Structure formats: structure tokens, C-alpha cells
């Protein structure tokens, strides 16, 4: 698969927030008992002194689902 193929299909699959949310929601059909956003956040292992700047990375669901856990 070339980069052009990947870009073309990624643009289709992530073109709108609804399509992104649909792909995120596919996670619930797996075996992991955690939501995708809780699982990702648990692997960040943020320390109190660290800062994160996230721009244009989707719907912000990772942070709205985990805002009480941010140091």
C-alpha cells in the first residue's frame, strides 16, 4: 500500500467528526473492558509537571472522557 492509497482512505474514513466517532466506537466490540479513550489515557502515564498541547487531533473525546485524571 502506498502513501496515496492510505491518505485517500484515511480522508474518507475520518472526513467528519461522526465518522471518527464511529471508528472510535468500534472499540466497544472488542474484548477490552475499558473504552478506547480510557485505555489510551492509561498508557500516557502523565506526570504532574508535564504539559500536552494537542491541536487538530479529532473531537477532543480523549480529554473530555479523562479530564478528572489529568494531573
C-alpha atoms as a PDB file:
ATOM      1  CA  UNK A   1       0.000   0.000   0.000  1.00  0.00           C
ATOM      2  CA  UNK A   2       1.347   3.359  -0.966  1.00  0.00           C
ATOM      3  CA  UNK A   3       1.001   6.642   0.864  1.00  0.00           C
ATOM      4  CA  UNK A   4      -1.521   7.905  -1.681  1.00  0.00           C
ATOM      5  CA  UNK A   5      -3.801   4.921  -1.005  1.00  0.00           C
ATOM      6  CA  UNK A   6      -3.545   5.415   2.762  1.00  0.00           C
ATOM      7  CA  UNK A   7      -4.210   9.168   2.535  1.00  0.00           C
ATOM      8  CA  UNK A   8      -7.206   8.625   0.258  1.00  0.00           C
ATOM      9  CA  UNK A   9      -8.869   6.109   2.554  1.00  0.00           C
ATOM     10  CA  UNK A  10      -7.964   7.921   5.761  1.00  0.00           C
ATOM     11  CA  UNK A  11      -9.578  11.058   4.356  1.00  0.00           C
ATOM     12  CA  UNK A  12     -12.763   9.102   3.642  1.00  0.00           C
ATOM     13  CA  UNK A  13     -12.844   7.314   6.999  1.00  0.00           C
ATOM     14  CA  UNK A  14     -12.010  10.358   9.137  1.00  0.00           C
ATOM     15  CA  UNK A  15     -13.643  13.058   6.999  1.00  0.00           C
ATOM     16  CA  UNK A  16     -16.202  14.170   9.599  1.00  0.00           C
ATOM     17  CA  UNK A  17     -16.413  14.005  13.396  1.00  0.00           C
ATOM     18  CA  UNK A  18     -19.240  11.476  13.069  1.00  0.00           C
ATOM     19  CA  UNK A  19     -17.079   9.109  11.030  1.00  0.00           C
ATOM     20  CA  UNK A  20     -14.246   9.467  13.545  1.00  0.00           C
ATOM     21  CA  UNK A  21     -16.646   8.741  16.415  1.00  0.00           C
ATOM     22  CA  UNK A  22     -17.960   5.688  14.559  1.00  0.00           C
ATOM     23  CA  UNK A  23     -14.417   4.318  14.262  1.00  0.00           C
ATOM     24  CA  UNK A  24     -13.733   5.040  17.953  1.00  0.00           C
ATOM     25  CA  UNK A  25     -16.965   3.285  18.916  1.00  0.00           C
ATOM     26  CA  UNK A  26     -15.866   0.097  17.132  1.00  0.00           C
ATOM     27  CA  UNK A  27     -13.572  -0.445  20.145  1.00  0.00           C
ATOM     28  CA  UNK A  28     -16.537  -1.450  22.322  1.00  0.00           C
ATOM     29  CA  UNK A  29     -16.992  -4.643  20.297  1.00  0.00           C
ATOM     30  CA  UNK A  30     -13.551  -5.903  21.339  1.00  0.00           C
ATOM     31  CA  UNK A  31     -12.521  -7.730  24.492  1.00  0.00           C
ATOM     32  CA  UNK A  32     -11.008  -4.787  26.376  1.00  0.00           C
ATOM     33  CA  UNK A  33     -13.364  -3.728  29.216  1.00  0.00           C
ATOM     34  CA  UNK A  34     -12.114  -0.107  29.034  1.00  0.00           C
ATOM     35  CA  UNK A  35     -13.277   2.445  26.491  1.00  0.00           C
ATOM     36  CA  UNK A  36     -10.713   3.369  23.846  1.00  0.00           C
ATOM     37  CA  UNK A  37     -10.167   6.826  25.344  1.00  0.00           C
ATOM     38  CA  UNK A  38      -9.676   5.436  28.873  1.00  0.00           C
ATOM     39  CA  UNK A  39      -7.253   2.819  27.532  1.00  0.00           C
ATOM     40  CA  UNK A  40      -5.200   5.367  25.576  1.00  0.00           C
ATOM     41  CA  UNK A  41      -5.093   7.753  28.542  1.00  0.00           C
ATOM     42  CA  UNK A  42      -3.970   4.980  30.906  1.00  0.00           C
ATOM     43  CA  UNK A  43      -0.943   4.430  28.658  1.00  0.00           C
ATOM     44  CA  UNK A  44       0.097   8.094  28.594  1.00  0.00           C
ATOM     45  CA  UNK A  45       1.421   7.919  32.182  1.00  0.00           C
ATOM     46  CA  UNK A  46       1.386  11.700  32.602  1.00  0.00           C
ATOM     47  CA  UNK A  47       3.414  13.217  35.378  1.00  0.00           C
ATOM     48  CA  UNK A  48       2.347  16.321  37.275  1.00  0.00           C
ATOM     49  CA  UNK A  49       4.990  18.609  35.738  1.00  0.00           C
ATOM     50  CA  UNK A  50       4.297  17.596  32.124  1.00  0.00           C
ATOM     51  CA  UNK A  51       2.183  19.576  29.685  1.00  0.00           C
ATOM     52  CA  UNK A  52       0.476  18.497  26.482  1.00  0.00           C
ATOM     53  CA  UNK A  53      -0.611  20.629  23.553  1.00  0.00           C
ATOM     54  CA  UNK A  54      -2.965  18.785  21.237  1.00  0.00           C
ATOM     55  CA  UNK A  55      -4.163  20.559  18.112  1.00  0.00           C
ATOM     56  CA  UNK A  56      -6.423  19.230  15.401  1.00  0.00           C
ATOM     57  CA  UNK A  57      -6.353  15.700  16.727  1.00  0.00           C
ATOM     58  CA  UNK A  58     -10.010  14.840  16.499  1.00  0.00           C
ATOM     59  CA  UNK A  59     -13.042  15.536  18.634  1.00  0.00           C
ATOM     60  CA  UNK A  60     -11.334  16.092  21.994  1.00  0.00           C
ATOM     61  CA  UNK A  61     -13.055  12.992  23.417  1.00  0.00           C
ATOM     62  CA  UNK A  62      -9.797  11.687  24.904  1.00  0.00           C
ATOM     63  CA  UNK A  63      -9.626  14.746  27.151  1.00  0.00           C
ATOM     64  CA  UNK A  64     -13.345  15.131  27.932  1.00  0.00           C
ATOM     65  CA  UNK A  65     -13.516  11.481  28.991  1.00  0.00           C
ATOM     66  CA  UNK A  66     -10.423  11.789  31.220  1.00  0.00           C
ATOM     67  CA  UNK A  67     -10.344  15.394  32.448  1.00  0.00           C
ATOM     68  CA  UNK A  68     -10.598  14.338  36.110  1.00  0.00           C
ATOM     69  CA  UNK A  69      -7.443  12.240  35.730  1.00  0.00           C
ATOM     70  CA  UNK A  70      -5.220  14.986  34.307  1.00  0.00           C
ATOM     71  CA  UNK A  71      -2.563  15.889  36.890  1.00  0.00           C
END
